Amino acid sequence: MLDALLAMQRRAPTLKELRGVDASAALVDLQVPGRFSLQAIVRYVHRLLRIPEVHVGGEITREEQGYELTLRSRDQRSVTIVGVRRSGDIGSLLAAAAEDVLRVVDPWILAHHYFAQETGEQPPEFTRTLATLEHMLRHAPAAERPWALNMQGICLMQQRQLMQAIERFRDAVAAGPQLPFIHQNWANALDLMGRFDEARAHRVRALEIPARTANLIANGAINASLLHRHSQALALARRGLALEPESGWAWSAWGYVLFGLHHFEQAAGACERSLASGANERYGSPPLAMAYAALGRPEKALAAALDEIERAGETEDALKGMGFARLAAGDARGAVANFDAALANAPGAGDAAYGRADALLALGELELALAHYERAVAVDPFYPQAHAGWAHALRALGRIEEAPARFAVAVRVDSAYAPAYRGWADTLQALGHSDEARPLFERAEAVERQNREPLPLR
């Protein structure tokens, strides 16, 4: 049973820092009359779980066909039967009973355990997850309500019940106004409805909420980077690493921020360090595939993308990484399929939108590529890659006179994006304006040198 409890707990977020809850552990005391005693489990569970004082006890009896385990919870007022389990194998009996224990002592862990099992269902029903969250809302203290409501919203969002999901996120924010990730999930639901401006407003609101732990600070750094607030992202990522220099999640955020700043070599190193720390087991790996794709190393990009899909499944980030990896490897048609799937999960992902346009441009689908660059800019106007790709599509369509203005927008959006300067210079040179092109070539080289220089951690 202890092994089952440990396994379920490892897969759930670290609640001490997220919840701010620090209570005593439940006492679990299982006796097998005449055979063996599991009283020692009490000492271990005491260190594992942070919940109000509830004693869980019971007994295992042998029957003709196997074993029966009865669990009871006891507090100062009453004794309640938690569950009755029967099995011919005592190991599986104890593993199943561990779920009953968690339902009493920490339903949050149990909800995450069920969520991980039910996420892959088609269609996702989340029957056990939602039932556990309802139990949590009925019995948990007020401080835990926003967590349960937020997770209900995530389940509803995956079921594409978007209006109901938004209502849950609204309730969660009311119950826990200082939890930034609820606003981020709310934004994800709005993205799925095509309400991109409202989604951005919620992501900005998430950044305005002060974060006090290294993990939440790192999460804020990633959010700021995706909002193209690179100076703020850099400051937050450094702060997270200063608080916890060995945190895999802090290194993950550092990788995201470096990638957004076009320091691809350094970003890849940060991503590798994050993955080596084991952060991928609990949080999702950083954009390693995208960093290697940007560096022109398709073999490493494909390996990183495959690893992410194997670890986390076909999430939006995993599909997006595979799209860029395939594009770098010359498989533009496969990249289109990956970007399509990523956008189906997250229509507000501006990088997946311009990635799809890049793949269409590589396939020679020029008009379609141009339309998708325009769509990418409408979704998120702050990716320089979308504007530069738009300019390249105009050139390919023979509308070269229109391209310089679009390259100018790209460098105005992000002055550290060297390919925009180089594309602008190439276009001016093709138009016979070599004198105007020369300083842009020089600027491209200067920016490339700058982006190869590693950024300090402090």
Protein backbone atom coordinates (compact mmCIF):
# COMPACT_ATOMS: atom_id res chain seq x y z
CA MET A 1 0.00 0.00 0.00
CA LEU A 2 2.86 2.36 0.79
CA ASP A 3 4.28 1.81 -2.71
CA ALA A 4 0.91 2.68 -4.24
CA LEU A 5 0.58 5.80 -2.06
CA LEU A 6 4.09 6.93 -3.01
CA ALA A 7 3.49 6.34 -6.73
CA MET A 8 0.28 8.37 -6.72
CA GLN A 9 1.82 11.19 -4.71
CA ARG A 10 4.86 11.50 -7.00
CA ARG A 11 2.60 12.23 -9.98
CA ALA A 12 0.75 15.10 -8.28
CA PRO A 13 2.01 18.70 -7.94
CA THR A 14 3.94 19.70 -4.83
CA LEU A 15 1.07 20.96 -2.75
CA LYS A 16 3.03 22.41 0.15
CA GLU A 17 4.15 25.34 -1.94
CA LEU A 18 1.06 25.57 -4.14
CA ARG A 19 -1.66 25.18 -1.57
CA GLY A 20 0.06 26.73 1.38
CA VAL A 21 -1.46 23.89 3.43
CA ASP A 22 0.64 22.31 6.16
CA ALA A 23 -1.39 20.01 8.37
CA SER A 24 -0.62 16.79 10.20
CA ALA A 25 -0.76 13.45 8.47
CA ALA A 26 -3.44 10.82 8.77
CA LEU A 27 -2.59 7.70 10.67
CA VAL A 28 -2.95 4.52 8.63
CA ASP A 29 -2.96 1.34 10.70
CA LEU A 30 -3.58 -1.98 8.98
CA GLN A 31 -3.58 -5.24 10.94
CA VAL A 32 -3.61 -8.75 9.52
CA PRO A 33 -4.60 -10.90 12.51
CA GLY A 34 -2.35 -13.87 13.08
CA ARG A 35 -0.12 -13.16 10.09
CA PHE A 36 1.65 -9.78 9.93
CA SER A 37 1.34 -6.16 11.05
CA LEU A 38 1.61 -3.04 8.90
CA GLN A 39 1.62 -0.55 11.74
CA ALA A 40 4.98 0.81 10.57
CA ILE A 41 3.18 2.39 7.62
CA VAL A 42 1.93 5.04 10.04
CA ARG A 43 5.37 6.58 10.39
CA TYR A 44 5.89 6.79 6.62
CA VAL A 45 2.49 8.19 5.75
CA HIS A 46 2.93 10.78 8.51
CA ARG A 47 5.89 12.16 6.57
CA LEU A 48 4.21 11.88 3.17
CA LEU A 49 0.84 13.54 3.56
CA ARG A 50 -0.28 16.86 4.97
CA ILE A 51 -3.89 16.49 6.08
CA PRO A 52 -5.99 16.99 9.19
CA GLU A 53 -5.82 14.39 11.94
CA VAL A 54 -7.83 11.40 10.72
CA HIS A 55 -7.05 7.81 11.63
CA VAL A 56 -7.59 5.14 8.98
CA GLY A 57 -7.60 1.57 10.21
CA GLY A 58 -8.95 -1.78 9.22
CA GLU A 59 -8.35 -5.47 8.91
CA ILE A 60 -7.72 -8.11 6.28
CA THR A 61 -9.51 -11.44 6.63
CA ARG A 62 -8.99 -14.59 4.61
CA GLU A 63 -12.00 -15.97 2.76
CA GLU A 64 -12.46 -19.11 0.67
CA GLN A 65 -11.79 -17.26 -2.59
CA GLY A 66 -9.15 -14.82 -1.36
CA TYR A 67 -8.97 -11.86 0.98
CA GLU A 68 -11.30 -9.12 2.18
CA LEU A 69 -10.02 -5.74 3.41
CA THR A 70 -12.26 -3.39 5.37
CA LEU A 71 -11.10 0.17 6.01
CA ARG A 72 -12.58 2.59 8.52
CA SER A 73 -11.81 6.24 9.23
CA ARG A 74 -12.01 7.54 12.77
CA ASP A 75 -11.91 11.08 14.06
CA GLN A 76 -12.85 12.51 17.44
CA ARG A 77 -16.57 12.20 16.71
CA SER A 78 -17.30 9.08 14.68
CA VAL A 79 -16.15 5.97 12.86
CA THR A 80 -17.02 5.57 9.16
CA ILE A 81 -16.49 2.65 6.79
CA VAL A 82 -14.22 3.88 4.00
CA GLY A 83 -14.45 0.86 1.77
CA VAL A 84 -14.55 -2.90 1.47
CA ARG A 85 -12.23 -4.56 -1.07
CA ARG A 86 -11.97 -8.21 -2.09
CA SER A 87 -9.25 -9.88 -4.13
CA GLY A 88 -7.43 -13.15 -4.50
CA ASP A 89 -4.09 -11.31 -4.51
CA ILE A 90 -3.10 -9.40 -1.40
CA GLY A 91 -0.79 -7.06 -3.34
CA SER A 92 -3.51 -5.84 -5.67
CA LEU A 93 -5.87 -5.67 -2.69
CA LEU A 94 -3.56 -3.24 -0.87
CA ALA A 95 -2.93 -1.19 -4.02
CA ALA A 96 -6.67 -0.75 -4.56
CA ALA A 97 -7.19 0.07 -0.89
CA ALA A 98 -4.60 2.86 -1.21
CA GLU A 99 -7.15 4.75 -3.32
CA ASP A 100 -9.68 4.48 -0.49
CA VAL A 101 -7.10 5.80 1.95
CA LEU A 102 -6.35 8.80 -0.25
CA ARG A 103 -10.03 9.54 -0.72
CA VAL A 104 -10.14 10.16 3.03
CA VAL A 105 -6.77 11.71 3.75
CA ASP A 106 -5.91 13.59 0.54
CA PRO A 107 -8.42 13.41 -2.34
CA TRP A 108 -6.32 15.92 -4.32
CA ILE A 109 -3.63 13.29 -4.91
CA LEU A 110 -6.29 10.75 -5.85
CA ALA A 111 -7.89 13.17 -8.31
CA HIS A 112 -4.53 13.62 -10.06
CA HIS A 113 -4.03 9.86 -10.14
CA TYR A 114 -7.41 9.37 -11.83
CA PHE A 115 -6.86 12.35 -14.15
CA ALA A 116 -3.62 10.81 -15.46
CA GLN A 117 -5.45 7.54 -16.15
CA GLU A 118 -8.52 9.10 -17.75
CA THR A 119 -6.87 11.79 -19.88
CA GLY A 120 -6.24 9.39 -22.75
CA GLU A 121 -9.85 8.22 -22.98
CA GLN A 122 -11.79 9.06 -26.14
CA PRO A 123 -14.01 10.84 -25.49
CA PRO A 124 -12.63 11.90 -22.10
CA GLU A 125 -15.29 11.29 -19.45
CA PHE A 126 -13.19 11.87 -16.30
CA THR A 127 -15.80 9.95 -14.31
CA ARG A 128 -13.57 9.05 -11.35
CA THR A 129 -11.67 12.35 -11.45
CA LEU A 130 -14.81 14.48 -11.30
CA ALA A 131 -16.37 12.29 -8.60
CA THR A 132 -13.24 12.69 -6.47
CA LEU A 133 -13.23 16.46 -6.99
CA GLU A 134 -16.88 16.63 -5.94
CA HIS A 135 -15.97 14.69 -2.81
CA MET A 136 -13.13 17.13 -2.22
CA LEU A 137 -15.42 20.14 -2.58
CA ARG A 138 -17.84 18.65 -0.05
CA HIS A 139 -15.24 17.80 2.56
CA ALA A 140 -12.06 19.84 2.00
CA PRO A 141 -11.31 23.12 3.79
CA ALA A 142 -11.94 26.42 2.00
CA ALA A 143 -8.26 26.88 1.12
CA GLU A 144 -8.42 23.83 -1.16
CA ARG A 145 -11.59 24.80 -3.05
CA PRO A 146 -9.85 26.80 -5.80
CA TRP A 147 -7.65 23.81 -6.62
CA ALA A 148 -10.61 21.48 -7.03
CA LEU A 149 -12.60 24.04 -9.05
CA ASN A 150 -9.60 24.71 -11.29
CA MET A 151 -9.17 21.01 -11.99
CA GLN A 152 -12.88 20.65 -12.73
CA GLY A 153 -12.44 23.45 -15.27
CA ILE A 154 -9.54 21.61 -16.90
CA CYS A 155 -11.64 18.44 -17.24
CA LEU A 156 -14.53 20.39 -18.75
CA MET A 157 -12.16 22.18 -21.12
CA GLN A 158 -10.78 18.87 -22.38
CA GLN A 159 -14.37 17.74 -22.92
CA ARG A 160 -14.87 20.97 -24.94
CA GLN A 161 -17.60 22.11 -22.54
CA LEU A 162 -16.05 25.55 -22.73
CA MET A 163 -18.73 27.75 -21.21
CA GLN A 164 -18.99 25.45 -18.19
CA ALA A 165 -15.18 25.38 -17.93
CA ILE A 166 -15.06 29.18 -17.89
CA GLU A 167 -17.67 29.24 -15.12
CA ARG A 168 -15.51 26.86 -13.06
CA PHE A 169 -12.42 29.01 -13.61
CA ARG A 170 -14.40 32.09 -12.61
CA ASP A 171 -15.47 30.34 -9.40
CA ALA A 172 -11.89 29.20 -8.80
CA VAL A 173 -10.55 32.75 -9.15
CA ALA A 174 -13.19 33.97 -6.70
CA ALA A 175 -12.11 31.29 -4.22
CA GLY A 176 -8.36 31.77 -4.79
CA PRO A 177 -7.65 35.20 -6.30
CA GLN A 178 -3.89 34.91 -5.76
CA LEU A 179 -3.37 31.76 -7.84
CA PRO A 180 -2.05 32.88 -11.26
CA PHE A 181 -2.33 29.55 -13.07
CA ILE A 182 -6.13 29.66 -12.83
CA HIS A 183 -6.10 32.74 -15.07
CA GLN A 184 -3.79 30.87 -17.46
CA ASN A 185 -6.21 27.95 -17.69
CA TRP A 186 -9.08 30.40 -18.16
CA ALA A 187 -7.09 31.91 -21.02
CA ASN A 188 -6.64 28.47 -22.60
CA ALA A 189 -10.42 27.98 -22.61
CA LEU A 190 -10.91 31.40 -24.22
CA ASP A 191 -8.33 30.49 -26.88
CA LEU A 192 -10.38 27.43 -27.78
CA MET A 193 -13.35 29.76 -28.31
CA GLY A 194 -11.30 32.07 -30.55
CA ARG A 195 -11.47 34.91 -27.99
CA PHE A 196 -7.74 35.65 -28.22
CA ASP A 197 -7.77 39.22 -26.87
CA GLU A 198 -9.64 38.14 -23.73
CA ALA A 199 -7.24 35.22 -23.33
CA ARG A 200 -4.26 37.54 -23.49
CA ALA A 201 -5.83 39.78 -20.84
CA HIS A 202 -6.07 36.81 -18.46
CA ARG A 203 -2.45 35.85 -19.10
CA VAL A 204 -1.42 39.42 -18.34
CA ARG A 205 -3.51 39.28 -15.15
CA ALA A 206 -1.68 36.09 -14.14
CA LEU A 207 1.62 37.94 -14.42
CA GLU A 208 0.34 40.72 -12.16
CA ILE A 209 -0.18 38.29 -9.26
CA PRO A 210 2.98 38.12 -7.11
CA ALA A 211 4.61 34.69 -7.05
CA ARG A 212 6.49 33.62 -3.93
CA THR A 213 7.83 30.14 -4.69
CA ALA A 214 10.46 29.14 -7.22
CA ASN A 215 8.02 26.99 -9.20
CA LEU A 216 5.38 29.71 -9.49
CA ILE A 217 8.05 32.30 -10.35
CA ALA A 218 9.35 29.97 -13.07
CA ASN A 219 5.82 29.49 -14.36
CA GLY A 220 5.47 33.27 -14.51
CA ALA A 221 8.71 33.49 -16.50
CA ILE A 222 7.34 31.07 -19.11
CA ASN A 223 4.07 32.99 -19.27
CA ALA A 224 5.92 36.30 -19.71
CA SER A 225 8.07 34.81 -22.47
CA LEU A 226 5.01 33.53 -24.35
CA LEU A 227 3.52 37.03 -23.99
CA HIS A 228 6.75 38.43 -25.54
CA ARG A 229 7.55 40.36 -22.35
CA HIS A 230 11.14 39.26 -22.59
CA SER A 231 12.71 41.60 -20.03
CA GLN A 232 10.17 40.58 -17.41
CA ALA A 233 10.60 36.92 -18.36
CA LEU A 234 14.37 37.18 -17.99
CA ALA A 235 14.10 38.79 -14.55
CA LEU A 236 11.63 36.16 -13.33
CA ALA A 237 13.67 33.23 -14.66
CA ARG A 238 16.79 34.53 -12.93
CA ARG A 239 14.85 35.03 -9.71
CA GLY A 240 13.54 31.47 -9.83
CA LEU A 241 17.04 30.05 -10.32
CA ALA A 242 18.41 32.23 -7.53
CA LEU A 243 15.80 30.79 -5.16
CA GLU A 244 16.33 27.16 -6.21
CA PRO A 245 19.51 26.70 -8.30
CA GLU A 246 18.95 22.95 -8.68
CA SER A 247 15.26 23.13 -9.58
CA GLY A 248 14.50 21.40 -12.86
CA TRP A 249 11.43 23.57 -13.32
CA ALA A 250 13.52 26.74 -12.87
CA TRP A 251 15.95 25.48 -15.52
CA SER A 252 12.97 24.66 -17.74
CA ALA A 253 11.79 28.27 -17.46
CA TRP A 254 15.31 29.51 -18.20
CA GLY A 255 15.23 27.41 -21.38
CA TYR A 256 11.89 28.88 -22.45
CA VAL A 257 13.12 32.43 -21.86
CA LEU A 258 16.39 31.89 -23.73
CA PHE A 259 14.51 30.37 -26.65
CA GLY A 260 12.23 33.42 -26.83
CA LEU A 261 15.34 35.63 -26.88
CA HIS A 262 16.83 33.57 -29.77
CA HIS A 263 19.76 32.29 -27.70
CA PHE A 264 19.18 28.82 -29.10
CA GLU A 265 22.46 27.12 -28.14
CA GLN A 266 22.18 28.26 -24.54
CA ALA A 267 18.47 27.40 -24.52
CA ALA A 268 19.24 23.83 -25.62
CA GLY A 269 21.76 23.49 -22.79
CA ALA A 270 19.23 24.74 -20.23
CA CYS A 271 16.60 22.35 -21.60
CA GLU A 272 18.98 19.40 -21.36
CA ARG A 273 19.83 20.31 -17.77
CA SER A 274 16.14 20.56 -16.90
CA LEU A 275 15.40 17.14 -18.37
CA ALA A 276 18.42 15.59 -16.63
CA SER A 277 17.05 16.83 -13.31
CA GLY A 278 13.82 14.89 -13.81
CA ALA A 279 11.59 17.94 -14.29
CA ASN A 280 9.98 16.24 -17.27
CA GLU A 281 8.40 13.68 -14.95
CA ARG A 282 6.16 16.28 -13.36
CA TYR A 283 5.98 19.45 -15.35
CA GLY A 284 6.50 18.91 -19.07
CA SER A 285 9.77 19.40 -20.87
CA PRO A 286 10.93 22.73 -22.30
CA PRO A 287 11.14 23.49 -26.04
CA LEU A 288 14.21 21.34 -26.65
CA ALA A 289 12.99 20.09 -30.04
CA MET A 290 12.29 23.66 -31.15
CA ALA A 291 15.74 24.83 -30.01
CA TYR A 292 17.50 22.09 -31.98
CA ALA A 293 15.28 22.75 -35.00
CA ALA A 294 16.23 26.44 -34.90
CA LEU A 295 19.91 25.42 -34.69
CA GLY A 296 19.54 23.29 -37.83
CA ARG A 297 20.07 19.96 -36.03
CA PRO A 298 17.09 17.92 -37.23
CA GLU A 299 18.27 14.57 -35.83
CA LYS A 300 18.45 15.94 -32.30
CA ALA A 301 15.21 17.85 -32.80
CA LEU A 302 13.37 14.71 -33.89
CA ALA A 303 14.79 12.69 -31.00
CA ALA A 304 13.72 15.35 -28.49
CA ALA A 305 10.24 15.58 -30.02
CA LEU A 306 9.76 11.80 -29.98
CA ASP A 307 10.90 11.68 -26.36
CA GLU A 308 8.38 14.36 -25.40
CA ILE A 309 5.51 12.56 -27.13
CA GLU A 310 6.47 9.30 -25.43
CA ARG A 311 6.64 11.04 -22.05
CA ALA A 312 3.62 13.34 -22.19
CA GLY A 313 1.51 12.14 -25.10
CA GLU A 314 0.40 14.24 -28.05
CA THR A 315 0.00 17.51 -26.19
CA GLU A 316 -0.01 20.86 -27.98
CA ASP A 317 3.63 21.47 -27.00
CA ALA A 318 4.73 17.99 -28.05
CA LEU A 319 2.97 18.23 -31.43
CA LYS A 320 4.35 21.70 -32.03
CA GLY A 321 7.89 20.51 -31.25
CA MET A 322 7.47 17.60 -33.66
CA GLY A 323 6.18 19.99 -36.32
CA PHE A 324 9.29 22.17 -36.15
CA ALA A 325 11.54 19.10 -35.97
CA ARG A 326 9.97 17.61 -39.10
CA LEU A 327 10.19 20.92 -40.89
CA ALA A 328 13.92 21.13 -40.06
CA ALA A 329 14.31 17.56 -41.35
CA GLY A 330 12.64 18.43 -44.67
CA ASP A 331 9.32 16.68 -43.98
CA ALA A 332 7.06 19.67 -44.57
CA ARG A 333 3.95 17.60 -45.19
CA GLY A 334 4.36 15.75 -41.90
CA ALA A 335 4.97 19.10 -40.21
CA VAL A 336 1.64 20.44 -41.52
CA ALA A 337 -0.16 17.49 -39.93
CA ASN A 338 1.55 18.10 -36.58
CA PHE A 339 0.82 21.82 -36.60
CA ASP A 340 -2.82 21.15 -37.53
CA ALA A 341 -3.14 18.82 -34.54
CA ALA A 342 -1.42 21.33 -32.24
CA LEU A 343 -3.75 24.12 -33.35
CA ALA A 344 -6.79 21.90 -32.81
CA ASN A 345 -5.70 21.62 -29.16
CA ALA A 346 -4.64 25.27 -28.80
CA PRO A 347 -5.93 27.65 -31.49
CA GLY A 348 -4.20 30.57 -29.75
CA ALA A 349 -0.71 29.14 -30.22
CA GLY A 350 0.80 31.76 -32.52
CA ASP A 351 4.02 29.81 -33.01
CA ALA A 352 2.13 26.73 -34.22
CA ALA A 353 0.18 29.01 -36.57
CA TYR A 354 3.28 30.48 -38.22
CA GLY A 355 4.92 27.03 -38.18
CA ARG A 356 2.05 25.70 -40.29
CA ALA A 357 2.52 28.61 -42.69
CA ASP A 358 6.28 27.89 -42.88
CA ALA A 359 5.51 24.28 -43.80
CA LEU A 360 3.02 25.33 -46.49
CA LEU A 361 5.59 27.75 -47.91
CA ALA A 362 8.13 24.92 -48.06
CA LEU A 363 5.56 22.83 -49.96
CA GLY A 364 5.09 25.62 -52.52
CA GLU A 365 1.50 26.31 -51.42
CA LEU A 366 2.15 30.04 -51.67
CA GLU A 367 -1.34 31.54 -51.48
CA LEU A 368 -2.30 29.20 -48.67
CA ALA A 369 0.94 29.99 -46.83
CA LEU A 370 0.26 33.72 -47.11
CA ALA A 371 -3.25 33.26 -45.72
CA HIS A 372 -1.87 31.31 -42.77
CA TYR A 373 0.80 33.92 -42.02
CA GLU A 374 -1.98 36.51 -41.92
CA ARG A 375 -3.92 34.23 -39.56
CA ALA A 376 -0.85 33.76 -37.36
CA VAL A 377 -0.44 37.53 -37.04
CA ALA A 378 -4.13 37.87 -36.18
CA VAL A 379 -3.73 35.26 -33.43
CA ASP A 380 -0.52 36.77 -32.02
CA PRO A 381 1.00 39.84 -33.71
CA PHE A 382 4.24 39.72 -31.71
CA TYR A 383 6.03 36.77 -33.33
CA PRO A 384 8.63 38.22 -35.75
CA GLN A 385 8.75 34.85 -37.51
CA ALA A 386 5.16 35.32 -38.70
CA HIS A 387 5.88 38.74 -40.21
CA ALA A 388 9.16 37.61 -41.80
CA GLY A 389 7.44 34.52 -43.22
CA TRP A 390 4.69 36.75 -44.60
CA ALA A 391 7.36 38.80 -46.38
CA HIS A 392 8.98 35.68 -47.84
CA ALA A 393 5.58 34.50 -49.11
CA LEU A 394 5.06 37.87 -50.81
CA ARG A 395 8.44 37.52 -52.53
CA ALA A 396 7.64 33.99 -53.66
CA LEU A 397 4.35 35.24 -55.12
CA GLY A 398 6.19 37.88 -57.14
CA ARG A 399 4.99 40.74 -54.91
CA ILE A 400 8.52 41.68 -53.92
CA GLU A 401 7.77 45.42 -53.60
CA GLU A 402 5.45 44.67 -50.66
CA ALA A 403 7.98 42.55 -48.77
CA PRO A 404 10.29 45.24 -47.26
CA ALA A 405 7.45 46.81 -45.29
CA ARG A 406 6.60 43.45 -43.73
CA PHE A 407 10.25 42.78 -42.82
CA ALA A 408 10.28 46.21 -41.18
CA VAL A 409 7.33 45.16 -39.02
CA ALA A 410 9.22 42.00 -38.02
CA VAL A 411 12.25 43.91 -36.70
CA ARG A 412 9.99 46.46 -35.02
CA VAL A 413 8.21 43.62 -33.21
CA ASP A 414 11.52 41.99 -32.17
CA SER A 415 14.82 43.75 -32.79
CA ALA A 416 16.78 40.59 -31.81
CA TYR A 417 15.44 38.45 -34.68
CA ALA A 418 18.37 38.34 -37.10
CA PRO A 419 16.65 36.50 -40.02
CA ALA A 420 14.30 39.47 -40.47
CA TYR A 421 17.23 41.86 -41.05
CA ARG A 422 18.83 39.40 -43.43
CA GLY A 423 15.61 38.81 -45.37
CA TRP A 424 14.98 42.54 -45.57
CA ALA A 425 18.52 43.14 -46.86
CA ASP A 426 18.23 40.35 -49.45
CA THR A 427 14.96 41.83 -50.69
CA LEU A 428 16.36 45.34 -51.00
CA GLN A 429 19.38 43.99 -52.84
CA ALA A 430 17.10 42.11 -55.26
CA LEU A 431 15.27 45.39 -55.85
CA GLY A 432 18.57 47.09 -56.71
CA HIS A 433 18.89 49.04 -53.43
CA SER A 434 22.31 47.74 -52.39
CA ASP A 435 23.21 50.86 -50.41
CA GLU A 436 20.12 50.41 -48.23
CA ALA A 437 20.76 46.68 -47.90
CA ARG A 438 24.35 46.97 -46.62
CA PRO A 439 23.59 48.32 -43.11
CA LEU A 440 20.87 45.70 -42.70
CA PHE A 441 23.34 42.91 -43.50
CA GLU A 442 25.70 44.41 -40.93
CA ARG A 443 22.91 44.61 -38.38
CA ALA A 444 21.99 40.96 -39.03
CA GLU A 445 25.58 39.89 -38.36
CA ALA A 446 25.75 41.96 -35.17
CA VAL A 447 22.50 40.47 -33.86
CA GLU A 448 23.66 36.95 -34.71
CA ARG A 449 26.89 37.52 -32.74
CA GLN A 450 24.91 38.92 -29.84
CA ASN A 451 22.57 35.92 -29.81
CA ARG A 452 25.51 33.51 -29.71
CA GLU A 453 26.81 35.14 -26.53
CA PRO A 454 25.48 33.38 -23.41
CA LEU A 455 23.35 35.44 -21.08
CA PRO A 456 24.45 35.51 -17.42
CA LEU A 457 22.33 33.76 -14.82
CA ARG A 458 22.35 36.85 -12.63
